[in-house]
Amino acid sequence: MGGMKTETSLRIILAGLVLALLGACATFPKSGQAALVGTWTNSLGTVWMIKADGTFDVDLKHQGKRDAWGTCLVEGDTVTLIRTGGINPKGCEGKGVYKFSRPDKDSLQFTLVSDACKLRKKNVLLAWHRK
């Protein structure tokens, strides 16, 4: 009788561990501000540091210092990017609006909603990987 209780207890513990591990695999945020927070890089070598306070820094020239910075306003899976300092190419005075997705914990992708800034579109629309 004692062996059956031990076997049942082990099954319950094992089932709990399996559920905990499955839950841990899917815990990265897929929408909202937290989904964007981190240091990201794309195939051009651009480094984009997105902070939890809704600000960001961009290193376009790969020299280890910020070339542009601004704010990002997130609603669900839509982000509005607003440059507040640094380089200001022609046509980049306004905001850029993008939908984003997180295919996995180390990837970030964007689709264009609206943006007149060619340089921002060129960078943002590439695949981003956690640095």
N, C-alpha and C. Protein backbone atom coordinates (compact mmCIF):
# COMPACT_ATOMS: atom_id res chain seq x y z
N MET A 1 0.82 -1.19 0.00
CA MET A 1 0.00 0.00 0.00
C MET A 1 0.87 1.26 0.00
N GLY A 2 1.97 1.25 0.78
CA GLY A 2 2.87 2.40 0.83
C GLY A 2 3.54 2.64 -0.50
N GLY A 3 3.83 1.57 -1.27
CA GLY A 3 4.46 1.70 -2.58
C GLY A 3 3.56 2.40 -3.58
N MET A 4 2.26 2.14 -3.49
CA MET A 4 1.31 2.78 -4.41
C MET A 4 1.23 4.28 -4.15
N LYS A 5 1.29 4.69 -2.86
CA LYS A 5 1.26 6.12 -2.53
C LYS A 5 2.51 6.81 -3.07
N THR A 6 3.66 6.15 -2.92
CA THR A 6 4.92 6.71 -3.42
C THR A 6 4.88 6.84 -4.93
N GLU A 7 4.37 5.81 -5.62
CA GLU A 7 4.30 5.83 -7.08
C GLU A 7 3.36 6.95 -7.56
N THR A 8 2.21 7.10 -6.89
CA THR A 8 1.27 8.16 -7.24
C THR A 8 1.89 9.53 -6.99
N SER A 9 2.58 9.69 -5.88
CA SER A 9 3.24 10.96 -5.56
C SER A 9 4.30 11.30 -6.60
N LEU A 10 5.08 10.30 -7.02
CA LEU A 10 6.11 10.54 -8.04
C LEU A 10 5.48 10.95 -9.36
N ARG A 11 4.35 10.35 -9.73
CA ARG A 11 3.66 10.72 -10.97
C ARG A 11 3.18 12.17 -10.91
N ILE A 12 2.63 12.55 -9.77
CA ILE A 12 2.15 13.93 -9.61
C ILE A 12 3.31 14.92 -9.70
N ILE A 13 4.41 14.61 -9.04
CA ILE A 13 5.59 15.48 -9.07
C ILE A 13 6.14 15.58 -10.49
N LEU A 14 6.24 14.44 -11.18
CA LEU A 14 6.75 14.42 -12.54
C LEU A 14 5.84 15.24 -13.47
N ALA A 15 4.52 15.07 -13.33
CA ALA A 15 3.58 15.84 -14.15
C ALA A 15 3.73 17.34 -13.89
N GLY A 16 3.91 17.72 -12.63
CA GLY A 16 4.11 19.13 -12.29
C GLY A 16 5.38 19.68 -12.90
N LEU A 17 6.45 18.90 -12.89
CA LEU A 17 7.71 19.36 -13.50
C LEU A 17 7.56 19.54 -15.00
N VAL A 18 6.89 18.61 -15.65
CA VAL A 18 6.68 18.71 -17.10
C VAL A 18 5.88 19.98 -17.43
N LEU A 19 4.82 20.24 -16.68
CA LEU A 19 4.03 21.45 -16.91
C LEU A 19 4.84 22.71 -16.67
N ALA A 20 5.66 22.71 -15.63
CA ALA A 20 6.50 23.88 -15.34
C ALA A 20 7.50 24.12 -16.46
N LEU A 21 8.10 23.08 -16.99
CA LEU A 21 9.06 23.23 -18.08
C LEU A 21 8.38 23.72 -19.35
N LEU A 22 7.21 23.20 -19.66
CA LEU A 22 6.48 23.66 -20.84
C LEU A 22 6.11 25.12 -20.71
N GLY A 23 5.68 25.52 -19.53
CA GLY A 23 5.33 26.92 -19.29
C GLY A 23 6.53 27.84 -19.43
N ALA A 24 7.68 27.38 -18.97
CA ALA A 24 8.90 28.20 -19.03
C ALA A 24 9.33 28.44 -20.46
N CYS A 25 9.05 27.53 -21.36
CA CYS A 25 9.45 27.67 -22.76
C CYS A 25 8.67 28.77 -23.47
N ALA A 26 7.49 29.10 -22.99
CA ALA A 26 6.64 30.06 -23.68
C ALA A 26 6.42 31.33 -22.87
N THR A 27 7.36 31.69 -22.00
CA THR A 27 7.12 32.82 -21.12
C THR A 27 7.65 34.16 -21.62
N PHE A 28 8.33 34.22 -22.75
CA PHE A 28 8.80 35.52 -23.21
C PHE A 28 7.60 36.32 -23.72
N PRO A 29 7.60 37.64 -23.47
CA PRO A 29 6.46 38.47 -23.87
C PRO A 29 6.38 38.60 -25.39
N LYS A 30 5.17 38.54 -25.93
CA LYS A 30 4.98 38.64 -27.38
C LYS A 30 4.31 39.94 -27.81
N SER A 31 3.83 40.71 -26.84
CA SER A 31 3.25 42.01 -27.16
C SER A 31 3.49 42.94 -25.97
N GLY A 32 3.19 44.21 -26.18
CA GLY A 32 3.42 45.19 -25.14
C GLY A 32 4.87 45.63 -25.10
N GLN A 33 5.15 46.63 -24.28
CA GLN A 33 6.49 47.21 -24.17
C GLN A 33 7.55 46.16 -23.83
N ALA A 34 7.24 45.24 -22.92
CA ALA A 34 8.22 44.25 -22.49
C ALA A 34 8.72 43.37 -23.64
N ALA A 35 7.92 43.19 -24.67
CA ALA A 35 8.32 42.35 -25.80
C ALA A 35 9.46 42.98 -26.60
N LEU A 36 9.63 44.29 -26.52
CA LEU A 36 10.65 44.98 -27.29
C LEU A 36 11.94 45.24 -26.51
N VAL A 37 11.87 45.19 -25.20
CA VAL A 37 13.01 45.55 -24.36
C VAL A 37 14.19 44.61 -24.61
N GLY A 38 15.37 45.22 -24.82
CA GLY A 38 16.58 44.44 -25.01
C GLY A 38 17.52 45.14 -25.97
N THR A 39 18.63 44.49 -26.25
CA THR A 39 19.59 44.99 -27.23
C THR A 39 19.50 44.08 -28.44
N TRP A 40 19.20 44.67 -29.59
CA TRP A 40 18.92 43.94 -30.82
C TRP A 40 19.89 44.36 -31.91
N THR A 41 20.15 43.47 -32.85
CA THR A 41 20.99 43.80 -34.00
C THR A 41 20.37 43.22 -35.26
N ASN A 42 20.66 43.86 -36.40
CA ASN A 42 20.14 43.36 -37.68
C ASN A 42 21.30 43.05 -38.62
N SER A 43 20.99 42.65 -39.85
CA SER A 43 22.03 42.22 -40.79
C SER A 43 22.92 43.36 -41.25
N LEU A 44 22.52 44.60 -41.06
CA LEU A 44 23.37 45.75 -41.38
C LEU A 44 24.37 46.04 -40.26
N GLY A 45 24.19 45.38 -39.12
CA GLY A 45 25.05 45.63 -37.97
C GLY A 45 24.53 46.73 -37.05
N THR A 46 23.37 47.28 -37.37
CA THR A 46 22.77 48.31 -36.52
C THR A 46 22.45 47.69 -35.17
N VAL A 47 22.73 48.42 -34.12
CA VAL A 47 22.41 47.97 -32.76
C VAL A 47 21.33 48.89 -32.22
N TRP A 48 20.25 48.29 -31.72
CA TRP A 48 19.09 49.02 -31.23
C TRP A 48 18.85 48.60 -29.79
N MET A 49 19.02 49.53 -28.87
CA MET A 49 18.82 49.26 -27.44
C MET A 49 17.49 49.86 -27.03
N ILE A 50 16.52 49.00 -26.74
CA ILE A 50 15.18 49.44 -26.36
C ILE A 50 15.03 49.22 -24.87
N LYS A 51 14.69 50.28 -24.17
CA LYS A 51 14.63 50.24 -22.70
C LYS A 51 13.19 50.12 -22.19
N ALA A 52 13.06 49.63 -20.96
CA ALA A 52 11.75 49.42 -20.34
C ALA A 52 10.99 50.72 -20.13
N ASP A 53 11.70 51.85 -20.08
CA ASP A 53 11.03 53.14 -19.86
C ASP A 53 10.45 53.74 -21.14
N GLY A 54 10.53 53.00 -22.26
CA GLY A 54 9.96 53.48 -23.51
C GLY A 54 10.90 54.34 -24.34
N THR A 55 12.19 54.34 -23.99
CA THR A 55 13.18 55.08 -24.78
C THR A 55 14.07 54.08 -25.53
N PHE A 56 14.77 54.58 -26.54
CA PHE A 56 15.70 53.72 -27.28
C PHE A 56 16.91 54.52 -27.74
N ASP A 57 18.00 53.79 -27.98
CA ASP A 57 19.22 54.33 -28.57
C ASP A 57 19.56 53.47 -29.77
N VAL A 58 20.10 54.10 -30.83
CA VAL A 58 20.48 53.38 -32.04
C VAL A 58 21.94 53.68 -32.35
N ASP A 59 22.71 52.62 -32.58
CA ASP A 59 24.11 52.74 -33.04
C ASP A 59 24.13 52.29 -34.50
N LEU A 60 24.02 53.26 -35.42
CA LEU A 60 24.01 52.95 -36.86
C LEU A 60 25.40 52.71 -37.42
N LYS A 61 26.38 53.39 -36.87
CA LYS A 61 27.72 53.38 -37.45
C LYS A 61 28.65 52.33 -36.85
N HIS A 62 28.13 51.52 -35.94
CA HIS A 62 28.86 50.40 -35.34
C HIS A 62 30.12 50.84 -34.60
N GLN A 63 30.10 52.05 -34.01
CA GLN A 63 31.27 52.54 -33.31
C GLN A 63 31.09 52.51 -31.79
N GLY A 64 29.98 51.94 -31.31
CA GLY A 64 29.77 51.81 -29.87
C GLY A 64 29.16 53.01 -29.19
N LYS A 65 28.66 53.97 -29.95
CA LYS A 65 27.96 55.09 -29.32
C LYS A 65 26.69 55.39 -30.10
N ARG A 66 25.75 56.02 -29.44
CA ARG A 66 24.45 56.23 -30.08
C ARG A 66 24.50 57.31 -31.15
N ASP A 67 23.87 57.00 -32.26
CA ASP A 67 23.78 57.94 -33.36
C ASP A 67 22.41 58.62 -33.40
N ALA A 68 21.41 57.93 -32.85
CA ALA A 68 20.06 58.47 -32.78
C ALA A 68 19.38 57.91 -31.55
N TRP A 69 18.37 58.63 -31.05
CA TRP A 69 17.64 58.15 -29.89
C TRP A 69 16.22 58.70 -29.95
N GLY A 70 15.36 58.08 -29.15
CA GLY A 70 13.98 58.53 -29.17
C GLY A 70 13.10 57.74 -28.22
N THR A 71 11.80 57.77 -28.52
CA THR A 71 10.83 57.07 -27.68
C THR A 71 10.03 56.10 -28.54
N CYS A 72 9.54 55.07 -27.89
CA CYS A 72 8.66 54.13 -28.58
C CYS A 72 7.41 53.94 -27.72
N LEU A 73 6.28 54.16 -28.34
CA LEU A 73 4.99 54.01 -27.68
C LEU A 73 4.37 52.71 -28.18
N VAL A 74 4.04 51.81 -27.26
CA VAL A 74 3.55 50.49 -27.64
C VAL A 74 2.10 50.31 -27.20
N GLU A 75 1.29 49.83 -28.13
CA GLU A 75 -0.08 49.43 -27.83
C GLU A 75 -0.28 48.06 -28.44
N GLY A 76 -0.33 47.03 -27.59
CA GLY A 76 -0.48 45.66 -28.08
C GLY A 76 0.71 45.26 -28.91
N ASP A 77 0.49 45.02 -30.22
CA ASP A 77 1.58 44.63 -31.12
C ASP A 77 1.92 45.74 -32.11
N THR A 78 1.60 46.99 -31.76
CA THR A 78 1.91 48.13 -32.61
C THR A 78 2.83 49.09 -31.84
N VAL A 79 3.90 49.52 -32.52
CA VAL A 79 4.84 50.44 -31.89
C VAL A 79 4.94 51.70 -32.75
N THR A 80 4.97 52.85 -32.09
CA THR A 80 5.19 54.13 -32.75
C THR A 80 6.56 54.62 -32.32
N LEU A 81 7.44 54.83 -33.29
CA LEU A 81 8.82 55.26 -33.05
C LEU A 81 8.93 56.76 -33.33
N ILE A 82 9.49 57.48 -32.38
CA ILE A 82 9.64 58.93 -32.51
C ILE A 82 11.09 59.30 -32.19
N ARG A 83 11.79 59.83 -33.19
CA ARG A 83 13.18 60.27 -32.99
C ARG A 83 13.16 61.56 -32.19
N THR A 84 13.97 61.62 -31.13
CA THR A 84 14.04 62.84 -30.33
C THR A 84 15.42 63.47 -30.35
N GLY A 85 16.41 62.77 -30.91
CA GLY A 85 17.76 63.33 -30.98
C GLY A 85 18.67 62.52 -31.88
N GLY A 86 19.83 63.11 -32.16
CA GLY A 86 20.81 62.45 -33.01
C GLY A 86 20.60 62.80 -34.47
N ILE A 87 21.10 61.96 -35.35
CA ILE A 87 21.01 62.26 -36.78
C ILE A 87 19.55 62.42 -37.20
N ASN A 88 19.34 63.27 -38.20
CA ASN A 88 17.99 63.54 -38.67
C ASN A 88 18.00 63.63 -40.19
N PRO A 89 18.03 62.48 -40.87
CA PRO A 89 18.02 62.51 -42.33
C PRO A 89 16.74 63.17 -42.87
N LYS A 90 16.83 63.67 -44.09
CA LYS A 90 15.68 64.30 -44.73
C LYS A 90 14.50 63.31 -44.74
N GLY A 91 13.33 63.81 -44.37
CA GLY A 91 12.12 63.00 -44.38
C GLY A 91 11.88 62.21 -43.11
N CYS A 92 12.76 62.39 -42.10
CA CYS A 92 12.65 61.60 -40.87
C CYS A 92 12.17 62.41 -39.67
N GLU A 93 11.50 63.52 -39.94
CA GLU A 93 11.02 64.35 -38.84
C GLU A 93 9.84 63.72 -38.10
N GLY A 94 9.04 62.96 -38.81
CA GLY A 94 7.82 62.40 -38.23
C GLY A 94 8.03 61.06 -37.56
N LYS A 95 6.93 60.45 -37.21
CA LYS A 95 6.95 59.16 -36.51
C LYS A 95 6.86 58.01 -37.50
N GLY A 96 7.28 56.84 -37.04
CA GLY A 96 7.14 55.61 -37.80
C GLY A 96 6.25 54.66 -37.01
N VAL A 97 5.31 54.04 -37.68
CA VAL A 97 4.39 53.12 -37.01
C VAL A 97 4.56 51.74 -37.65
N TYR A 98 4.74 50.74 -36.79
CA TYR A 98 4.99 49.36 -37.23
C TYR A 98 4.22 48.38 -36.36
N LYS A 99 3.85 47.25 -36.95
CA LYS A 99 3.36 46.10 -36.20
C LYS A 99 4.60 45.25 -35.93
N PHE A 100 4.63 44.56 -34.79
CA PHE A 100 5.78 43.71 -34.51
C PHE A 100 5.32 42.34 -34.05
N SER A 101 6.23 41.38 -34.19
CA SER A 101 5.98 40.03 -33.71
C SER A 101 7.28 39.46 -33.16
N ARG A 102 7.14 38.49 -32.29
CA ARG A 102 8.27 37.79 -31.68
C ARG A 102 8.17 36.31 -32.06
N PRO A 103 8.78 35.91 -33.17
CA PRO A 103 8.70 34.51 -33.59
C PRO A 103 9.29 33.54 -32.56
N ASP A 104 10.31 34.00 -31.84
CA ASP A 104 10.89 33.23 -30.74
C ASP A 104 11.54 34.21 -29.77
N LYS A 105 12.12 33.71 -28.69
CA LYS A 105 12.61 34.60 -27.64
C LYS A 105 13.78 35.49 -28.07
N ASP A 106 14.48 35.12 -29.13
CA ASP A 106 15.64 35.89 -29.56
C ASP A 106 15.44 36.60 -30.90
N SER A 107 14.21 36.69 -31.38
CA SER A 107 13.93 37.31 -32.68
C SER A 107 12.81 38.34 -32.56
N LEU A 108 12.91 39.34 -33.42
CA LEU A 108 11.93 40.42 -33.46
C LEU A 108 11.76 40.81 -34.92
N GLN A 109 10.50 40.94 -35.36
CA GLN A 109 10.21 41.30 -36.75
C GLN A 109 9.16 42.40 -36.78
N PHE A 110 9.25 43.25 -37.81
CA PHE A 110 8.33 44.37 -37.95
C PHE A 110 7.70 44.36 -39.34
N THR A 111 6.47 44.85 -39.42
CA THR A 111 5.82 45.13 -40.69
C THR A 111 5.38 46.58 -40.67
N LEU A 112 5.47 47.21 -41.81
CA LEU A 112 5.20 48.64 -41.94
C LEU A 112 3.70 48.95 -41.84
N VAL A 113 3.38 49.92 -41.02
CA VAL A 113 2.04 50.52 -41.01
C VAL A 113 2.14 51.85 -41.73
N SER A 114 3.04 52.74 -41.27
CA SER A 114 3.29 54.01 -41.97
C SER A 114 4.61 54.59 -41.48
N ASP A 115 5.40 55.11 -42.41
CA ASP A 115 6.67 55.75 -42.08
C ASP A 115 7.22 56.41 -43.34
N ALA A 116 7.50 57.70 -43.29
CA ALA A 116 8.07 58.42 -44.43
C ALA A 116 9.60 58.37 -44.43
N CYS A 117 10.22 57.89 -43.35
CA CYS A 117 11.67 57.91 -43.20
C CYS A 117 12.30 56.67 -43.86
N LYS A 118 13.02 56.89 -44.96
CA LYS A 118 13.63 55.78 -45.69
C LYS A 118 14.68 55.04 -44.87
N LEU A 119 15.52 55.77 -44.14
CA LEU A 119 16.57 55.14 -43.35
C LEU A 119 15.97 54.28 -42.23
N ARG A 120 14.96 54.79 -41.56
CA ARG A 120 14.33 54.02 -40.48
C ARG A 120 13.68 52.77 -41.06
N LYS A 121 12.94 52.90 -42.16
CA LYS A 121 12.30 51.73 -42.78
C LYS A 121 13.34 50.70 -43.19
N LYS A 122 14.43 51.15 -43.79
CA LYS A 122 15.50 50.24 -44.24
C LYS A 122 16.01 49.38 -43.09
N ASN A 123 16.15 49.96 -41.92
CA ASN A 123 16.66 49.24 -40.76
C ASN A 123 15.58 48.44 -40.04
N VAL A 124 14.47 49.09 -39.73
CA VAL A 124 13.44 48.45 -38.90
C VAL A 124 12.85 47.22 -39.58
N LEU A 125 12.69 47.24 -40.89
CA LEU A 125 12.03 46.13 -41.57
C LEU A 125 12.91 44.89 -41.75
N LEU A 126 14.17 44.98 -41.37
CA LEU A 126 15.03 43.79 -41.37
C LEU A 126 14.73 42.93 -40.15
N ALA A 127 15.14 41.68 -40.19
CA ALA A 127 14.98 40.80 -39.01
C ALA A 127 15.96 41.24 -37.93
N TRP A 128 15.50 41.23 -36.69
CA TRP A 128 16.31 41.62 -35.55
C TRP A 128 16.55 40.42 -34.66
N HIS A 129 17.77 40.33 -34.13
CA HIS A 129 18.14 39.22 -33.24
C HIS A 129 18.73 39.79 -31.95
N ARG A 130 18.40 39.14 -30.86
CA ARG A 130 18.91 39.58 -29.56
C ARG A 130 20.44 39.50 -29.58
N LYS A 131 21.05 40.58 -29.12
CA LYS A 131 22.52 40.65 -29.08
C LYS A 131 23.03 40.12 -27.77
